[in-house]
Amino acid sequence: MTPSADVRPYHHGNLRTALLEAAERRLAEHGADGIALRDLAREIGVSHAAPRRHFADRQALLDALAISGFARLDERLRAAVDDAAADSSSRMRAVASTYTRFATENASLLDLMYTSKHRPGGEAILEAAEAPFSLLSDLIEQGQRENTLTREDLTGSATVLFASLHGIATMINGSFVPAAQLEGLTDIAVSQFLQAAGPAPVADQR
């Protein structure tokens, strides 16, 4: 009797989660091009057809991985807000520090998250991205209520702040800047934003 070409089980206790975890490991080691459903099935120990119960194809898996990444980022940022002091400046520093740590700890995943949300058909990823980045707008509005941020339209300043934070993480990921400088550079970026967007200095009346 000829043995079956694939005798691995079809079922798995939590196949979807296992596939995403295995895909993230391969993403970090080999990039998105190194991810294949058949290889992931072999790694997990299920039949090559089993992953299609959850992901129609490789792109569906990558999209789910990107959405999961934004959900994790959102969870970490909101936890940072909850742990920080109640004022907007403290919360903004906590969010900035958490973002740059996430970006340097998950460089390949973050790259996938950003590139995926701009591709045709990436609407669900774009929607998932709105949650974590709405935090910055919320903190800016809080700062305006506290009169620590006084410009009426801070969209441009907020964009510059995010670009600074993402740029810091990108330079560290590319080994252009030592990782030991992450916290210091993040703090400088937030301080410059708060200074530029805060109340104008009171003129010396002497």
Protein backbone atom coordinates (compact mmCIF):
# COMPACT_ATOMS: atom_id res chain seq x y z
CA MET A 1 0.00 0.00 0.00
CA THR A 2 1.49 3.31 -1.08
CA PRO A 3 1.65 5.87 1.76
CA SER A 4 -0.12 9.17 1.31
CA ALA A 5 2.00 12.02 -0.03
CA ASP A 6 0.85 14.20 2.86
CA VAL A 7 -0.24 12.51 6.09
CA ARG A 8 -0.09 15.64 8.23
CA PRO A 9 -3.31 16.56 10.02
CA TYR A 10 -5.79 18.93 8.42
CA HIS A 11 -6.95 20.43 11.70
CA HIS A 12 -5.09 22.54 14.23
CA GLY A 13 -6.19 23.86 17.61
CA ASN A 14 -5.77 27.52 16.65
CA LEU A 15 -4.62 27.42 13.07
CA ARG A 16 -5.19 31.07 12.19
CA THR A 17 -3.11 32.35 15.10
CA ALA A 18 -0.39 29.79 14.46
CA LEU A 19 -0.19 30.80 10.80
CA LEU A 20 0.09 34.49 11.63
CA GLU A 21 2.80 33.84 14.22
CA ALA A 22 4.76 31.65 11.81
CA ALA A 23 4.32 34.20 9.03
CA GLU A 24 5.63 36.99 11.24
CA ARG A 25 8.73 34.96 12.09
CA ARG A 26 9.40 34.32 8.40
CA LEU A 27 8.74 37.97 7.62
CA ALA A 28 11.45 39.03 10.07
CA GLU A 29 13.92 36.47 8.72
CA HIS A 30 13.23 36.46 4.99
CA GLY A 31 10.92 39.35 4.16
CA ALA A 32 7.46 39.16 2.63
CA ASP A 33 8.75 37.36 -0.46
CA GLY A 34 9.86 34.48 1.78
CA ILE A 35 6.32 33.71 2.95
CA ALA A 36 4.35 30.89 1.33
CA LEU A 37 1.26 29.14 2.66
CA ARG A 38 2.64 25.69 1.86
CA ASP A 39 5.86 26.39 3.81
CA LEU A 40 3.90 27.70 6.78
CA ALA A 41 1.69 24.61 6.77
CA ARG A 42 4.77 22.40 6.81
CA GLU A 43 6.28 24.39 9.69
CA ILE A 44 3.12 24.17 11.77
CA GLY A 45 2.59 20.52 10.95
CA VAL A 46 -0.71 20.59 9.07
CA SER A 47 -1.66 19.62 5.54
CA HIS A 48 -0.81 22.06 2.76
CA ALA A 49 -4.54 22.66 2.18
CA ALA A 50 -5.31 23.56 5.81
CA PRO A 51 -4.26 27.26 5.69
CA ARG A 52 -6.87 27.96 3.03
CA ARG A 53 -9.56 27.44 5.64
CA HIS A 54 -8.58 30.90 6.91
CA PHE A 55 -6.67 32.58 4.06
CA ALA A 56 -7.70 32.27 0.46
CA ASP A 57 -4.19 33.00 -0.73
CA ARG A 58 -0.83 34.44 0.28
CA GLN A 59 -2.01 38.04 -0.09
CA ALA A 60 -4.93 37.43 2.27
CA LEU A 61 -2.46 36.16 4.85
CA LEU A 62 -0.21 39.21 4.43
CA ASP A 63 -3.20 41.53 4.75
CA ALA A 64 -4.28 39.79 7.95
CA LEU A 65 -0.75 40.10 9.29
CA ALA A 66 -0.75 43.85 8.57
CA ILE A 67 -4.16 44.30 10.23
CA SER A 68 -2.96 42.33 13.25
CA GLY A 69 0.11 44.57 13.41
CA PHE A 70 -1.97 47.75 13.53
CA ALA A 71 -4.18 46.22 16.23
CA ARG A 72 -1.12 45.39 18.34
CA LEU A 73 0.30 48.88 17.82
CA ASP A 74 -3.00 50.43 18.84
CA GLU A 75 -3.15 48.25 21.96
CA ARG A 76 0.38 49.23 23.01
CA LEU A 77 -0.17 52.94 22.38
CA ARG A 78 -3.40 53.01 24.35
CA ALA A 79 -1.78 51.11 27.21
CA ALA A 80 0.99 53.74 27.21
CA VAL A 81 -1.62 56.50 27.48
CA ASP A 82 -3.31 54.73 30.38
CA ASP A 83 0.01 54.33 32.22
CA ALA A 84 1.15 57.93 31.72
CA ALA A 85 0.25 60.98 33.76
CA ALA A 86 -3.06 62.58 32.80
CA ASP A 87 -1.68 65.68 31.02
CA SER A 88 -1.37 65.67 27.24
CA SER A 89 2.38 66.33 27.20
CA SER A 90 3.14 63.27 29.33
CA ARG A 91 0.80 61.14 27.28
CA MET A 92 2.32 62.37 24.02
CA ARG A 93 5.82 61.49 25.22
CA ALA A 94 4.60 58.03 26.26
CA VAL A 95 2.94 57.45 22.90
CA ALA A 96 5.99 58.65 20.97
CA SER A 97 8.34 56.43 22.96
CA THR A 98 6.06 53.42 22.55
CA TYR A 99 5.75 54.00 18.81
CA THR A 100 9.49 54.21 18.17
CA ARG A 101 10.11 51.11 20.30
CA PHE A 102 7.44 49.19 18.38
CA ALA A 103 8.89 50.41 15.08
CA THR A 104 12.40 49.25 15.93
CA GLU A 105 11.34 45.98 17.54
CA ASN A 106 9.10 45.06 14.58
CA ALA A 107 10.83 46.66 11.61
CA SER A 108 9.77 44.13 8.97
CA LEU A 109 6.20 44.01 10.23
CA LEU A 110 5.92 47.80 10.27
CA ASP A 111 7.18 47.98 6.70
CA LEU A 112 4.53 45.47 5.65
CA MET A 113 1.85 47.41 7.53
CA TYR A 114 2.61 50.65 5.71
CA THR A 115 3.14 49.23 2.23
CA SER A 116 0.02 47.06 2.42
CA LYS A 117 -2.40 49.84 3.28
CA HIS A 118 -1.64 51.73 0.07
CA ARG A 119 -2.14 48.87 -2.35
CA PRO A 120 -5.40 48.48 -4.32
CA GLY A 121 -7.79 46.46 -2.20
CA GLY A 122 -6.13 47.46 1.06
CA GLU A 123 -9.14 49.32 2.45
CA ALA A 124 -9.44 47.05 5.51
CA ILE A 125 -5.79 47.70 6.36
CA LEU A 126 -6.24 51.44 5.96
CA GLU A 127 -9.22 51.27 8.32
CA ALA A 128 -7.17 49.31 10.86
CA ALA A 129 -4.45 51.97 10.67
CA GLU A 130 -6.85 54.73 11.67
CA ALA A 131 -7.25 53.54 15.26
CA PRO A 132 -3.66 53.94 16.50
CA PHE A 133 -3.03 57.17 14.64
CA SER A 134 -6.23 58.79 15.86
CA LEU A 135 -4.55 58.86 19.26
CA LEU A 136 -2.26 61.66 18.17
CA SER A 137 -5.22 63.81 17.14
CA ASP A 138 -6.92 63.05 20.45
CA LEU A 139 -3.85 64.14 22.40
CA ILE A 140 -3.53 67.31 20.36
CA GLU A 141 -7.16 68.17 21.12
CA GLN A 142 -6.49 67.50 24.81
CA GLY A 143 -3.49 69.82 24.68
CA GLN A 144 -5.62 72.54 23.11
CA ARG A 145 -8.18 72.19 25.89
CA GLU A 146 -5.35 72.48 28.41
CA ASN A 147 -3.94 75.51 26.53
CA THR A 148 -0.55 73.81 26.25
CA LEU A 149 -1.01 73.59 22.48
CA THR A 150 -2.36 76.83 21.13
CA ARG A 151 -2.30 76.69 17.34
CA GLU A 152 -5.74 76.30 15.83
CA ASP A 153 -4.60 73.96 13.06
CA LEU A 154 -1.90 71.56 14.21
CA THR A 155 -2.25 69.05 11.37
CA GLY A 156 1.01 70.11 9.77
CA SER A 157 2.91 70.06 13.06
CA ALA A 158 1.48 66.64 13.92
CA THR A 159 2.58 65.32 10.53
CA VAL A 160 6.08 66.65 11.10
CA LEU A 161 6.16 65.02 14.55
CA PHE A 162 5.11 61.65 13.15
CA ALA A 163 7.61 61.98 10.31
CA SER A 164 10.34 62.71 12.85
CA LEU A 165 9.46 59.68 14.97
CA HIS A 166 9.22 57.36 11.99
CA GLY A 167 12.45 58.77 10.58
CA ILE A 168 14.27 58.12 13.85
CA ALA A 169 13.08 54.50 13.85
CA THR A 170 14.01 54.08 10.18
CA MET A 171 17.53 55.39 10.75
CA ILE A 172 18.02 53.03 13.69
CA ASN A 173 16.62 50.09 11.74
CA GLY A 174 19.05 50.91 8.95
CA SER A 175 21.97 51.15 11.41
CA PHE A 176 22.56 54.80 10.54
CA VAL A 177 22.07 55.74 14.20
CA PRO A 178 22.97 53.61 17.25
CA ALA A 179 19.97 51.97 18.90
CA ALA A 180 21.10 53.41 22.23
CA GLN A 181 20.04 56.87 20.99
CA LEU A 182 16.41 55.88 20.43
CA GLU A 183 14.91 57.30 23.62
CA GLY A 184 16.99 60.48 23.56
CA LEU A 185 16.13 61.31 19.95
CA THR A 186 12.46 60.53 20.53
CA ASP A 187 12.38 62.89 23.47
CA ILE A 188 14.03 65.65 21.41
CA ALA A 189 11.44 65.23 18.64
CA VAL A 190 8.52 65.55 21.05
CA SER A 191 10.11 68.47 22.90
CA GLN A 192 10.59 70.37 19.66
CA PHE A 193 6.98 69.73 18.68
CA LEU A 194 5.63 70.89 22.03
CA GLN A 195 7.77 74.02 21.90
CA ALA A 196 6.75 74.88 18.35
CA ALA A 197 3.05 74.22 18.94
CA GLY A 198 2.85 75.69 22.43
CA PRO A 199 2.06 79.21 23.56
CA ALA A 200 4.21 81.98 22.17
CA PRO A 201 6.86 83.25 24.59
CA VAL A 202 5.78 86.28 26.60
CA ALA A 203 7.66 89.37 25.43
CA ASP A 204 9.95 91.03 27.94
CA GLN A 205 8.16 94.24 28.98
CA ARG A 206 11.15 95.79 30.74
